[in-house]
Amino acid sequence: MEDEQMVLQRINELLRPGGLLISATPCVGEKLLLKSLLWFAGKFGLTPDIRSFKIRDLRTQRADVV
């Protein structure tokens, strides 16, 4: 996602009132080894550009959207 704030806003618009979004996306920012491996793999073109988030960051962004 280039603009995660826009994506979260759009998801919020699509959800029915009181709706719930369930995501199985891991918070790579919480896992230092995985984050480092993905960054390293990205430098060699083995993975796409991956932005890492920590759980608290997502909660803050979610609060800004709602």
PDB file of N, CA and C in Angstrom:
ATOM      1  N   MET A   1       0.841  -1.183   0.000  1.00  0.00           N
ATOM      2  CA  MET A   1       0.000   0.000   0.000  1.00  0.00           C
ATOM      3  C   MET A   1       0.879   1.235   0.000  1.00  0.00           C
ATOM      4  N   GLU A   2       0.604   2.116  -0.892  1.00  0.00           N
ATOM      5  CA  GLU A   2       1.356   3.357  -0.885  1.00  0.00           C
ATOM      6  C   GLU A   2       0.789   4.336   0.138  1.00  0.00           C
ATOM      7  N   ASP A   3      -0.503   4.302   0.334  1.00  0.00           N
ATOM      8  CA  ASP A   3      -1.146   5.234   1.274  1.00  0.00           C
ATOM      9  C   ASP A   3      -2.069   4.438   2.193  1.00  0.00           C
ATOM     10  N   GLU A   4      -1.488   3.918   3.260  1.00  0.00           N
ATOM     11  CA  GLU A   4      -2.278   3.053   4.149  1.00  0.00           C
ATOM     12  C   GLU A   4      -3.434   3.803   4.806  1.00  0.00           C
ATOM     13  N   GLN A   5      -3.258   5.092   5.045  1.00  0.00           N
ATOM     14  CA  GLN A   5      -4.340   5.877   5.650  1.00  0.00           C
ATOM     15  C   GLN A   5      -5.555   5.912   4.715  1.00  0.00           C
ATOM     16  N   MET A   6      -5.310   6.077   3.415  1.00  0.00           N
ATOM     17  CA  MET A   6      -6.390   6.089   2.441  1.00  0.00           C
ATOM     18  C   MET A   6      -7.075   4.722   2.365  1.00  0.00           C
ATOM     19  N   VAL A   7      -6.284   3.665   2.412  1.00  0.00           N
ATOM     20  CA  VAL A   7      -6.836   2.308   2.363  1.00  0.00           C
ATOM     21  C   VAL A   7      -7.709   2.052   3.589  1.00  0.00           C
ATOM     22  N   LEU A   8      -7.230   2.425   4.762  1.00  0.00           N
ATOM     23  CA  LEU A   8      -8.020   2.233   5.977  1.00  0.00           C
ATOM     24  C   LEU A   8      -9.307   3.049   5.935  1.00  0.00           C
ATOM     25  N   GLN A   9      -9.232   4.258   5.406  1.00  0.00           N
ATOM     26  CA  GLN A   9     -10.429   5.091   5.279  1.00  0.00           C
ATOM     27  C   GLN A   9     -11.442   4.425   4.351  1.00  0.00           C
ATOM     28  N   ARG A  10     -10.959   3.878   3.234  1.00  0.00           N
ATOM     29  CA  ARG A  10     -11.862   3.226   2.271  1.00  0.00           C
ATOM     30  C   ARG A  10     -12.490   1.977   2.882  1.00  0.00           C
ATOM     31  N   ILE A  11     -11.716   1.211   3.616  1.00  0.00           N
ATOM     32  CA  ILE A  11     -12.257   0.031   4.297  1.00  0.00           C
ATOM     33  C   ILE A  11     -13.354   0.461   5.263  1.00  0.00           C
ATOM     34  N   ASN A  12     -13.109   1.526   6.003  1.00  0.00           N
ATOM     35  CA  ASN A  12     -14.097   2.038   6.951  1.00  0.00           C
ATOM     36  C   ASN A  12     -15.386   2.443   6.231  1.00  0.00           C
ATOM     37  N   GLU A  13     -15.257   3.034   5.043  1.00  0.00           N
ATOM     38  CA  GLU A  13     -16.435   3.435   4.263  1.00  0.00           C
ATOM     39  C   GLU A  13     -17.228   2.225   3.779  1.00  0.00           C
ATOM     40  N   LEU A  14     -16.532   1.147   3.448  1.00  0.00           N
ATOM     41  CA  LEU A  14     -17.194  -0.038   2.908  1.00  0.00           C
ATOM     42  C   LEU A  14     -17.866  -0.901   3.972  1.00  0.00           C
ATOM     43  N   LEU A  15     -17.380  -0.805   5.198  1.00  0.00           N
ATOM     44  CA  LEU A  15     -17.974  -1.606   6.273  1.00  0.00           C
ATOM     45  C   LEU A  15     -19.344  -1.058   6.656  1.00  0.00           C
ATOM     46  N   ARG A  16     -20.241  -1.960   6.934  1.00  0.00           N
ATOM     47  CA  ARG A  16     -21.545  -1.536   7.455  1.00  0.00           C
ATOM     48  C   ARG A  16     -21.342  -0.961   8.855  1.00  0.00           C
ATOM     49  N   PRO A  17     -22.262  -0.128   9.323  1.00  0.00           N
ATOM     50  CA  PRO A  17     -22.141   0.387  10.698  1.00  0.00           C
ATOM     51  C   PRO A  17     -22.003  -0.771  11.689  1.00  0.00           C
ATOM     52  N   GLY A  18     -21.015  -0.688  12.531  1.00  0.00           N
ATOM     53  CA  GLY A  18     -20.747  -1.756  13.491  1.00  0.00           C
ATOM     54  C   GLY A  18     -20.027  -2.937  12.877  1.00  0.00           C
ATOM     55  N   GLY A  19     -19.663  -2.824  11.573  1.00  0.00           N
ATOM     56  CA  GLY A  19     -18.992  -3.924  10.883  1.00  0.00           C
ATOM     57  C   GLY A  19     -17.603  -4.169  11.441  1.00  0.00           C
ATOM     58  N   LEU A  20     -17.062  -5.312  11.121  1.00  0.00           N
ATOM     59  CA  LEU A  20     -15.774  -5.733  11.660  1.00  0.00           C
ATOM     60  C   LEU A  20     -14.886  -6.217  10.524  1.00  0.00           C
ATOM     61  N   LEU A  21     -13.680  -5.733  10.467  1.00  0.00           N
ATOM     62  CA  LEU A  21     -12.688  -6.209   9.509  1.00  0.00           C
ATOM     63  C   LEU A  21     -11.748  -7.144  10.249  1.00  0.00           C
ATOM     64  N   ILE A  22     -11.577  -8.330   9.711  1.00  0.00           N
ATOM     65  CA  ILE A  22     -10.642  -9.284  10.294  1.00  0.00           C
ATOM     66  C   ILE A  22      -9.517  -9.482   9.289  1.00  0.00           C
ATOM     67  N   SER A  23      -8.299  -9.229   9.712  1.00  0.00           N
ATOM     68  CA  SER A  23      -7.136  -9.358   8.841  1.00  0.00           C
ATOM     69  C   SER A  23      -6.157 -10.360   9.441  1.00  0.00           C
ATOM     70  N   ALA A  24      -5.620 -11.195   8.593  1.00  0.00           N
ATOM     71  CA  ALA A  24      -4.625 -12.172   9.038  1.00  0.00           C
ATOM     72  C   ALA A  24      -3.218 -11.713   8.667  1.00  0.00           C
ATOM     73  N   THR A  25      -3.050 -10.419   8.518  1.00  0.00           N
ATOM     74  CA  THR A  25      -1.764  -9.856   8.138  1.00  0.00           C
ATOM     75  C   THR A  25      -0.858  -9.765   9.362  1.00  0.00           C
ATOM     76  N   PRO A  26       0.326 -10.358   9.297  1.00  0.00           N
ATOM     77  CA  PRO A  26       1.220 -10.261  10.458  1.00  0.00           C
ATOM     78  C   PRO A  26       1.800  -8.852  10.589  1.00  0.00           C
ATOM     79  N   CYS A  27       1.999  -8.420  11.793  1.00  0.00           N
ATOM     80  CA  CYS A  27       2.653  -7.133  12.041  1.00  0.00           C
ATOM     81  C   CYS A  27       4.151  -7.384  12.047  1.00  0.00           C
ATOM     82  N   VAL A  28       4.747  -7.269  10.876  1.00  0.00           N
ATOM     83  CA  VAL A  28       6.159  -7.584  10.707  1.00  0.00           C
ATOM     84  C   VAL A  28       7.038  -6.714  11.599  1.00  0.00           C
ATOM     85  N   GLY A  29       6.585  -5.498  11.898  1.00  0.00           N
ATOM     86  CA  GLY A  29       7.363  -4.606  12.744  1.00  0.00           C
ATOM     87  C   GLY A  29       7.600  -5.147  14.137  1.00  0.00           C
ATOM     88  N   GLU A  30       6.785  -6.098  14.559  1.00  0.00           N
ATOM     89  CA  GLU A  30       6.937  -6.713  15.885  1.00  0.00           C
ATOM     90  C   GLU A  30       7.971  -7.839  15.873  1.00  0.00           C
ATOM     91  N   LYS A  31       8.363  -8.284  14.696  1.00  0.00           N
ATOM     92  CA  LYS A  31       9.266  -9.430  14.574  1.00  0.00           C
ATOM     93  C   LYS A  31      10.563  -8.988  13.900  1.00  0.00           C
ATOM     94  N   LEU A  32      11.542  -8.645  14.705  1.00  0.00           N
ATOM     95  CA  LEU A  32      12.786  -8.057  14.210  1.00  0.00           C
ATOM     96  C   LEU A  32      13.497  -8.956  13.204  1.00  0.00           C
ATOM     97  N   LEU A  33      13.579 -10.242  13.468  1.00  0.00           N
ATOM     98  CA  LEU A  33      14.276 -11.148  12.556  1.00  0.00           C
ATOM     99  C   LEU A  33      13.560 -11.217  11.211  1.00  0.00           C
ATOM    100  N   LEU A  34      12.239 -11.382  11.229  1.00  0.00           N
ATOM    101  CA  LEU A  34      11.465 -11.448   9.984  1.00  0.00           C
ATOM    102  C   LEU A  34      11.569 -10.134   9.215  1.00  0.00           C
ATOM    103  N   LYS A  35      11.461  -9.034   9.921  1.00  0.00           N
ATOM    104  CA  LYS A  35      11.577  -7.707   9.291  1.00  0.00           C
ATOM    105  C   LYS A  35      12.934  -7.573   8.612  1.00  0.00           C
ATOM    106  N   SER A  36      13.994  -7.990   9.280  1.00  0.00           N
ATOM    107  CA  SER A  36      15.349  -7.905   8.728  1.00  0.00           C
ATOM    108  C   SER A  36      15.513  -8.805   7.510  1.00  0.00           C
ATOM    109  N   LEU A  37      14.992 -10.021   7.575  1.00  0.00           N
ATOM    110  CA  LEU A  37      15.086 -10.946   6.448  1.00  0.00           C
ATOM    111  C   LEU A  37      14.332 -10.421   5.230  1.00  0.00           C
ATOM    112  N   LEU A  38      13.148  -9.870   5.448  1.00  0.00           N
ATOM    113  CA  LEU A  38      12.368  -9.320   4.338  1.00  0.00           C
ATOM    114  C   LEU A  38      13.052  -8.107   3.725  1.00  0.00           C
ATOM    115  N   TRP A  39      13.645  -7.266   4.552  1.00  0.00           N
ATOM    116  CA  TRP A  39      14.380  -6.106   4.046  1.00  0.00           C
ATOM    117  C   TRP A  39      15.549  -6.578   3.183  1.00  0.00           C
ATOM    118  N   PHE A  40      16.297  -7.547   3.689  1.00  0.00           N
ATOM    119  CA  PHE A  40      17.459  -8.081   2.970  1.00  0.00           C
ATOM    120  C   PHE A  40      17.026  -8.704   1.647  1.00  0.00           C
ATOM    121  N   ALA A  41      15.959  -9.502   1.661  1.00  0.00           N
ATOM    122  CA  ALA A  41      15.445 -10.130   0.435  1.00  0.00           C
ATOM    123  C   ALA A  41      14.986  -9.072  -0.566  1.00  0.00           C
ATOM    124  N   GLY A  42      14.409  -7.986  -0.067  1.00  0.00           N
ATOM    125  CA  GLY A  42      13.960  -6.903  -0.933  1.00  0.00           C
ATOM    126  C   GLY A  42      15.111  -6.220  -1.647  1.00  0.00           C
ATOM    127  N   LYS A  43      16.255  -6.131  -0.986  1.00  0.00           N
ATOM    128  CA  LYS A  43      17.427  -5.505  -1.599  1.00  0.00           C
ATOM    129  C   LYS A  43      17.923  -6.289  -2.812  1.00  0.00           C
ATOM    130  N   PHE A  44      17.616  -7.590  -2.853  1.00  0.00           N
ATOM    131  CA  PHE A  44      18.020  -8.436  -3.973  1.00  0.00           C
ATOM    132  C   PHE A  44      16.861  -8.710  -4.933  1.00  0.00           C
ATOM    133  N   GLY A  45      15.755  -7.996  -4.737  1.00  0.00           N
ATOM    134  CA  GLY A  45      14.608  -8.151  -5.635  1.00  0.00           C
ATOM    135  C   GLY A  45      13.834  -9.445  -5.445  1.00  0.00           C
ATOM    136  N   LEU A  46      14.031 -10.103  -4.303  1.00  0.00           N
ATOM    137  CA  LEU A  46      13.340 -11.368  -4.046  1.00  0.00           C
ATOM    138  C   LEU A  46      11.934 -11.164  -3.489  1.00  0.00           C
ATOM    139  N   THR A  47      11.670 -10.010  -2.935  1.00  0.00           N
ATOM    140  CA  THR A  47      10.347  -9.684  -2.405  1.00  0.00           C
ATOM    141  C   THR A  47       9.981  -8.270  -2.857  1.00  0.00           C
ATOM    142  N   PRO A  48       8.686  -7.979  -2.906  1.00  0.00           N
ATOM    143  CA  PRO A  48       8.292  -6.604  -3.230  1.00  0.00           C
ATOM    144  C   PRO A  48       8.610  -5.680  -2.055  1.00  0.00           C
ATOM    145  N   ASP A  49       8.429  -4.391  -2.251  1.00  0.00           N
ATOM    146  CA  ASP A  49       8.624  -3.429  -1.166  1.00  0.00           C
ATOM    147  C   ASP A  49       7.618  -3.733  -0.062  1.00  0.00           C
ATOM    148  N   ILE A  50       8.102  -3.986   1.112  1.00  0.00           N
ATOM    149  CA  ILE A  50       7.235  -4.344   2.244  1.00  0.00           C
ATOM    150  C   ILE A  50       7.398  -3.291   3.321  1.00  0.00           C
ATOM    151  N   ARG A  51       6.276  -2.707   3.716  1.00  0.00           N
ATOM    152  CA  ARG A  51       6.291  -1.736   4.813  1.00  0.00           C
ATOM    153  C   ARG A  51       5.905  -2.477   6.083  1.00  0.00           C
ATOM    154  N   SER A  52       6.658  -2.248   7.118  1.00  0.00           N
ATOM    155  CA  SER A  52       6.377  -2.956   8.366  1.00  0.00           C
ATOM    156  C   SER A  52       5.684  -2.026   9.348  1.00  0.00           C
ATOM    157  N   PHE A  53       4.787  -2.604  10.104  1.00  0.00           N
ATOM    158  CA  PHE A  53       4.025  -1.865  11.100  1.00  0.00           C
ATOM    159  C   PHE A  53       4.119  -2.565  12.438  1.00  0.00           C
ATOM    160  N   LYS A  54       3.998  -1.789  13.467  1.00  0.00           N
ATOM    161  CA  LYS A  54       3.847  -2.349  14.806  1.00  0.00           C
ATOM    162  C   LYS A  54       2.375  -2.237  15.172  1.00  0.00           C
ATOM    163  N   ILE A  55       1.934  -3.070  16.068  1.00  0.00           N
ATOM    164  CA  ILE A  55       0.520  -3.103  16.456  1.00  0.00           C
ATOM    165  C   ILE A  55       0.060  -1.731  16.925  1.00  0.00           C
ATOM    166  N   ARG A  56       0.864  -1.049  17.725  1.00  0.00           N
ATOM    167  CA  ARG A  56       0.446   0.272  18.228  1.00  0.00           C
ATOM    168  C   ARG A  56       0.266   1.276  17.094  1.00  0.00           C
ATOM    169  N   ASP A  57       1.088   1.158  16.029  1.00  0.00           N
ATOM    170  CA  ASP A  57       0.946   2.054  14.880  1.00  0.00           C
ATOM    171  C   ASP A  57      -0.398   1.843  14.187  1.00  0.00           C
ATOM    172  N   LEU A  58      -0.783   0.601  14.006  1.00  0.00           N
ATOM    173  CA  LEU A  58      -2.057   0.286  13.360  1.00  0.00           C
ATOM    174  C   LEU A  58      -3.233   0.759  14.208  1.00  0.00           C
ATOM    175  N   ARG A  59      -3.122   0.597  15.510  1.00  0.00           N
ATOM    176  CA  ARG A  59      -4.202   1.079  16.392  1.00  0.00           C
ATOM    177  C   ARG A  59      -4.351   2.595  16.286  1.00  0.00           C
ATOM    178  N   THR A  60      -3.226   3.301  16.238  1.00  0.00           N
ATOM    179  CA  THR A  60      -3.251   4.758  16.112  1.00  0.00           C
ATOM    180  C   THR A  60      -3.886   5.162  14.786  1.00  0.00           C
ATOM    181  N   GLN A  61      -3.488   4.504  13.704  1.00  0.00           N
ATOM    182  CA  GLN A  61      -4.060   4.823  12.388  1.00  0.00           C
ATOM    183  C   GLN A  61      -5.551   4.516  12.353  1.00  0.00           C
ATOM    184  N   ARG A  62      -5.936   3.401  12.958  1.00  0.00           N
ATOM    185  CA  ARG A  62      -7.343   3.027  12.987  1.00  0.00           C
ATOM    186  C   ARG A  62      -8.158   4.081  13.740  1.00  0.00           C
ATOM    187  N   ALA A  63      -7.627   4.578  14.821  1.00  0.00           N
ATOM    188  CA  ALA A  63      -8.320   5.594  15.620  1.00  0.00           C
ATOM    189  C   ALA A  63      -8.468   6.882  14.829  1.00  0.00           C
ATOM    190  N   ASP A  64      -7.475   7.208  14.008  1.00  0.00           N
ATOM    191  CA  ASP A  64      -7.539   8.414  13.185  1.00  0.00           C
ATOM    192  C   ASP A  64      -8.603   8.309  12.107  1.00  0.00           C
ATOM    193  N   VAL A  65      -8.881   7.113  11.631  1.00  0.00           N
ATOM    194  CA  VAL A  65      -9.864   6.899  10.552  1.00  0.00           C
ATOM    195  C   VAL A  65     -11.276   6.929  11.084  1.00  0.00           C
ATOM    196  N   VAL A  66     -11.495   6.320  12.224  1.00  0.00           N
ATOM    197  CA  VAL A  66     -12.855   6.178  12.772  1.00  0.00           C
ATOM    198  C   VAL A  66     -13.404   7.443  13.269  1.00  0.00           C
TER     199      VAL A  66
END
